[in-house]
Amino acid sequence: MDKICVIDMGSQYTHLIARCIRELGVYSEILPYDVSIGELKRVGPKGIILSGGPSSVYEEDSPQLTKNFFSYVKEEKIPVLGICYGLHLIIHQLGGRIKPFKHKEYGKTELEILKSKKLFESLDKRETVWMSHGDQIESMPDGFEVLARTITCPIAAYANESLNLFGVQFHPEVIHTQKGITILKNFVLTIVNAKKEWKLENWIEKAIEKIKKEVGPKNRVILGLSGGVDSSVVAVLLQKAIGSRLHSIFVNNGVLRKNE
């Protein structure tokens, strides 16, 4: 099954990116920013998305991709899309320059698409997007071309088609970017050419089988159940897998809804 790896740079939207990819019918998996080349080879992504994040790429101890990352994706011909911090990181690690933005940009803005290429296929020349950044690109390495800009951000999207590297300064994964899902779809289904082979129902079946194997035929499970989404989903999966051998204990965490 084709996979898109979302590399987490500390964004609050990382899981949303992964969810958007799965809703396109393609499996996605979240990996840490320092994931090794060996682990990437084991996972075998068809495409990679670098999430945004609160850091600046030039700061000490800011998230950086592992050594030889770009050699690996070039050799394996894996397309990469950088979002916000991810856009900066590609440029930074390949020798370009990122600088602090005089006026931090947060909120809706109008994007002017200069070159549609495959990433912006079927979009209008001007689109509403959601920005959240305090840095911007000062210079790009050879081979990169500007695809879009805003009134305050001269490089709001870029591409290096020979290296299969793409970047957007805005957040296509949030609903405030009106055609953000179309952009992600263009990357995943057109540029990456990933097959739509993933369904939630199939994942549930695999999760249940994995639980059965791990718990065994006779063991019991005690589950702390708060009523939140995480523990409730775990409870349902466990119940389907082992039935009455699940013993749930309700945990009042002190932040339940009124009268609950």
Protein backbone atom coordinates (compact mmCIF):
# COMPACT_ATOMS: atom_id res chain seq x y z
CA MET A 1 0.00 0.00 0.00
CA ASP A 2 1.28 3.47 -0.91
CA LYS A 3 2.17 5.63 2.11
CA ILE A 4 2.63 9.34 2.71
CA CYS A 5 4.91 10.10 5.67
CA VAL A 6 4.17 13.29 7.59
CA ILE A 7 7.34 14.37 9.39
CA ASP A 8 6.42 16.26 12.55
CA MET A 9 8.27 19.53 13.11
CA GLY A 10 6.20 20.44 16.15
CA SER A 11 3.07 21.73 14.45
CA GLN A 12 -0.32 21.75 16.13
CA TYR A 13 -1.67 20.68 12.73
CA THR A 14 0.48 17.58 12.16
CA HIS A 15 -2.31 15.13 12.93
CA LEU A 16 -4.71 17.20 10.82
CA ILE A 17 -2.36 16.84 7.83
CA ALA A 18 -2.27 13.07 8.31
CA ARG A 19 -6.06 12.98 8.59
CA CYS A 20 -6.49 15.00 5.38
CA ILE A 21 -4.28 12.53 3.52
CA ARG A 22 -6.27 9.54 4.81
CA GLU A 23 -9.51 11.23 3.79
CA LEU A 24 -8.10 11.25 0.26
CA GLY A 25 -7.95 7.45 0.49
CA VAL A 26 -4.18 7.22 0.97
CA TYR A 27 -2.50 5.86 4.11
CA SER A 28 -0.43 8.35 6.09
CA GLU A 29 1.98 7.85 8.97
CA ILE A 30 3.49 10.45 11.31
CA LEU A 31 7.23 10.26 12.00
CA PRO A 32 9.49 12.41 14.23
CA TYR A 33 11.70 15.05 12.62
CA ASP A 34 14.88 13.14 13.51
CA VAL A 35 13.73 9.90 11.90
CA SER A 36 16.70 7.95 10.57
CA ILE A 37 17.26 7.03 6.94
CA GLY A 38 17.07 3.40 8.00
CA GLU A 39 13.60 3.91 9.46
CA LEU A 40 12.46 5.80 6.36
CA LYS A 41 13.63 2.89 4.22
CA ARG A 42 11.71 0.49 6.46
CA VAL A 43 8.51 2.53 6.18
CA GLY A 44 9.01 3.08 2.44
CA PRO A 45 7.05 6.29 1.79
CA LYS A 46 5.83 7.13 -1.69
CA GLY A 47 5.76 10.82 -0.70
CA ILE A 48 6.77 12.96 2.29
CA ILE A 49 5.21 16.05 3.86
CA LEU A 50 7.18 18.23 6.29
CA SER A 51 4.83 19.89 8.77
CA GLY A 52 4.95 23.43 10.05
CA GLY A 53 6.26 24.27 13.51
CA PRO A 54 6.81 27.09 16.00
CA SER A 55 10.61 27.25 15.69
CA SER A 56 12.88 29.19 13.34
CA VAL A 57 15.24 27.08 11.24
CA TYR A 58 18.27 29.23 12.13
CA GLU A 59 17.75 28.85 15.90
CA GLU A 60 19.95 26.55 17.94
CA ASP A 61 18.26 23.21 18.69
CA SER A 62 15.51 23.84 16.13
CA PRO A 63 14.17 20.67 14.43
CA GLN A 64 16.41 19.61 11.55
CA LEU A 65 16.14 16.71 9.14
CA THR A 66 18.59 13.87 9.55
CA LYS A 67 21.85 13.93 7.61
CA ASN A 68 21.54 12.64 4.04
CA PHE A 69 17.74 13.12 4.00
CA PHE A 70 17.82 14.99 0.70
CA SER A 71 20.26 12.50 -0.83
CA TYR A 72 17.85 9.73 0.14
CA VAL A 73 14.72 11.33 -1.35
CA LYS A 74 16.63 12.25 -4.52
CA GLU A 75 17.96 8.73 -4.95
CA GLU A 76 14.55 7.18 -4.29
CA LYS A 77 12.74 9.88 -6.32
CA ILE A 78 10.38 10.67 -3.43
CA PRO A 79 8.44 13.95 -3.78
CA VAL A 80 8.56 16.21 -0.70
CA LEU A 81 6.15 19.00 0.26
CA GLY A 82 7.21 21.48 2.95
CA ILE A 83 4.49 23.40 4.80
CA CYS A 84 5.45 26.67 6.56
CA TYR A 85 8.44 25.60 8.74
CA GLY A 86 8.90 22.69 6.35
CA LEU A 87 9.14 25.14 3.44
CA HIS A 88 11.87 27.05 5.29
CA LEU A 89 13.73 23.90 6.30
CA ILE A 90 14.12 22.65 2.73
CA ILE A 91 15.65 25.96 1.68
CA HIS A 92 17.81 26.24 4.81
CA GLN A 93 19.31 22.76 4.62
CA LEU A 94 20.03 23.07 0.91
CA GLY A 95 21.99 26.31 1.30
CA GLY A 96 19.39 29.06 0.93
CA ARG A 97 18.69 31.80 3.47
CA ILE A 98 15.78 32.37 5.83
CA LYS A 99 15.35 35.66 7.68
CA PRO A 100 13.02 37.01 10.38
CA PHE A 101 9.87 38.62 8.99
CA LYS A 102 9.50 42.24 10.09
CA HIS A 103 5.74 41.88 10.42
CA LYS A 104 4.63 38.45 11.60
CA GLU A 105 1.73 37.26 9.51
CA TYR A 106 -1.22 35.42 11.04
CA GLY A 107 -4.62 35.01 9.44
CA LYS A 108 -6.30 34.96 6.06
CA THR A 109 -4.56 36.53 3.09
CA GLU A 110 -4.83 36.52 -0.68
CA LEU A 111 -2.41 34.31 -2.58
CA GLU A 112 -1.42 35.24 -6.12
CA ILE A 113 -0.48 32.17 -8.14
CA LEU A 114 2.26 32.99 -10.64
CA LYS A 115 2.81 29.50 -12.05
CA SER A 116 0.23 26.80 -11.50
CA LYS A 117 2.41 23.77 -12.29
CA LYS A 118 0.94 20.53 -10.93
CA LEU A 119 0.70 21.75 -7.32
CA PHE A 120 -1.85 24.47 -8.06
CA GLU A 121 -3.67 22.73 -10.89
CA SER A 122 -7.38 23.72 -11.15
CA LEU A 123 -6.95 26.69 -8.77
CA ASP A 124 -7.80 30.27 -9.63
CA LYS A 125 -5.10 32.89 -10.10
CA ARG A 126 -6.01 34.32 -6.69
CA GLU A 127 -6.96 32.19 -3.70
CA THR A 128 -7.62 32.77 0.00
CA VAL A 129 -5.07 31.03 2.24
CA TRP A 130 -4.20 30.90 5.95
CA MET A 131 -0.80 32.22 7.03
CA SER A 132 0.98 31.75 10.36
CA HIS A 133 4.68 32.64 10.19
CA GLY A 134 7.36 34.92 11.57
CA ASP A 135 10.13 34.17 9.04
CA GLN A 136 10.43 34.34 5.28
CA ILE A 137 12.75 33.21 2.50
CA GLU A 138 15.52 35.66 1.60
CA SER A 139 17.23 33.58 -1.09
CA MET A 140 16.73 30.15 -2.65
CA PRO A 141 19.27 27.65 -3.97
CA ASP A 142 19.66 27.16 -7.72
CA GLY A 143 16.88 25.17 -9.36
CA PHE A 144 14.01 26.56 -7.27
CA GLU A 145 11.33 28.75 -8.83
CA VAL A 146 8.64 30.90 -7.22
CA LEU A 147 5.10 29.62 -7.78
CA ALA A 148 3.09 32.11 -5.70
CA ARG A 149 3.30 35.25 -3.58
CA THR A 150 1.23 37.49 -1.32
CA ILE A 151 1.35 41.23 -0.85
CA THR A 152 3.83 40.84 2.05
CA CYS A 153 5.47 37.50 1.20
CA PRO A 154 7.32 37.42 -2.16
CA ILE A 155 7.94 33.66 -1.98
CA ALA A 156 4.74 32.03 -0.73
CA ALA A 157 5.25 28.82 -2.70
CA TYR A 158 8.07 27.25 -4.70
CA ALA A 159 9.05 24.18 -6.65
CA ASN A 160 12.19 22.39 -7.74
CA GLU A 161 10.73 19.89 -10.16
CA SER A 162 14.06 18.22 -10.96
CA LEU A 163 14.42 17.30 -7.27
CA ASN A 164 10.66 16.80 -6.64
CA LEU A 165 10.73 19.42 -3.87
CA PHE A 166 7.76 21.71 -3.22
CA GLY A 167 6.89 24.21 -0.51
CA VAL A 168 4.02 26.43 0.61
CA GLN A 169 4.25 29.19 3.22
CA PHE A 170 0.56 28.85 4.13
CA HIS A 171 -1.39 25.95 5.68
CA PRO A 172 -3.38 23.94 3.10
CA GLU A 173 -4.59 21.54 5.80
CA VAL A 174 -6.84 24.07 7.60
CA ILE A 175 -10.34 24.96 6.44
CA HIS A 176 -9.44 28.67 6.25
CA THR A 177 -7.38 27.89 3.13
CA GLN A 178 -10.36 27.57 0.83
CA LYS A 179 -8.85 25.12 -1.68
CA GLY A 180 -6.23 23.64 0.59
CA ILE A 181 -7.51 20.09 0.16
CA THR A 182 -7.21 20.50 -3.61
CA ILE A 183 -3.53 21.44 -3.15
CA LEU A 184 -2.92 18.39 -0.95
CA LYS A 185 -4.81 16.25 -3.45
CA ASN A 186 -2.65 17.58 -6.29
CA PHE A 187 0.48 16.68 -4.34
CA VAL A 188 -0.63 13.25 -3.13
CA LEU A 189 -2.55 11.95 -6.15
CA THR A 190 -0.87 13.78 -9.04
CA ILE A 191 2.73 14.60 -8.07
CA VAL A 192 3.30 11.56 -5.84
CA ASN A 193 0.86 9.45 -7.89
CA ALA A 194 -0.20 7.55 -4.77
CA LYS A 195 -2.95 4.97 -5.14
CA LYS A 196 -6.20 5.32 -3.18
CA GLU A 197 -5.99 2.00 -1.35
CA TRP A 198 -6.66 2.92 2.28
CA LYS A 199 -10.01 2.66 4.06
CA LEU A 200 -10.76 3.19 7.76
CA GLU A 201 -12.66 -0.10 7.85
CA ASN A 202 -9.52 -1.99 6.81
CA TRP A 203 -7.49 -0.28 9.54
CA ILE A 204 -10.08 -1.24 12.17
CA GLU A 205 -9.89 -4.89 11.13
CA LYS A 206 -6.09 -4.86 11.33
CA ALA A 207 -6.17 -3.12 14.74
CA ILE A 208 -8.55 -5.74 16.12
CA GLU A 209 -6.37 -8.59 14.85
CA LYS A 210 -3.28 -6.93 16.34
CA ILE A 211 -5.01 -6.61 19.74
CA LYS A 212 -6.09 -10.25 19.68
CA LYS A 213 -2.55 -11.36 18.95
CA GLU A 214 -0.99 -9.15 21.64
CA VAL A 215 -3.50 -9.93 24.41
CA GLY A 216 -3.74 -13.63 23.66
CA PRO A 217 -6.70 -16.01 23.98
CA LYS A 218 -7.08 -15.97 27.78
CA ASN A 219 -5.60 -12.75 29.21
CA ARG A 220 -7.77 -9.92 30.47
CA VAL A 221 -7.34 -6.15 30.08
CA ILE A 222 -8.08 -3.40 32.61
CA LEU A 223 -8.72 -0.04 30.93
CA GLY A 224 -8.91 3.39 32.53
CA LEU A 225 -11.84 5.02 30.71
CA SER A 226 -12.35 8.79 30.98
CA GLY A 227 -15.04 9.16 28.34
CA GLY A 228 -12.76 11.16 26.05
CA VAL A 229 -12.18 10.29 22.41
CA ASP A 230 -8.90 8.42 22.91
CA SER A 231 -9.94 6.09 25.70
CA SER A 232 -13.41 5.57 24.18
CA VAL A 233 -11.94 4.46 20.85
CA VAL A 234 -9.54 2.12 22.65
CA ALA A 235 -12.46 0.68 24.63
CA VAL A 236 -14.50 -0.02 21.49
CA LEU A 237 -11.58 -1.71 19.73
CA LEU A 238 -10.74 -3.79 22.80
CA GLN A 239 -14.36 -4.84 23.23
CA LYS A 240 -14.55 -5.96 19.60
CA ALA A 241 -11.28 -7.87 19.98
CA ILE A 242 -11.63 -9.58 23.37
CA GLY A 243 -15.24 -9.05 24.44
CA SER A 244 -16.00 -9.70 28.11
CA ARG A 245 -12.30 -10.03 28.96
CA LEU A 246 -12.16 -6.22 28.92
CA HIS A 247 -12.76 -4.54 32.29
CA SER A 248 -13.17 -0.77 32.02
CA ILE A 249 -12.79 1.46 35.08
CA PHE A 250 -14.29 4.93 34.78
CA VAL A 251 -11.84 7.68 35.73
CA ASN A 252 -13.27 11.04 36.80
CA ASN A 253 -10.50 13.38 35.70
CA GLY A 254 -12.20 16.49 37.06
CA VAL A 255 -12.80 18.14 33.69
CA LEU A 256 -15.93 16.35 32.54
CA ARG A 257 -18.79 18.20 30.90
CA LYS A 258 -21.39 19.75 33.23
CA ASN A 259 -23.78 17.19 34.79
CA GLU A 260 -21.94 14.32 33.11
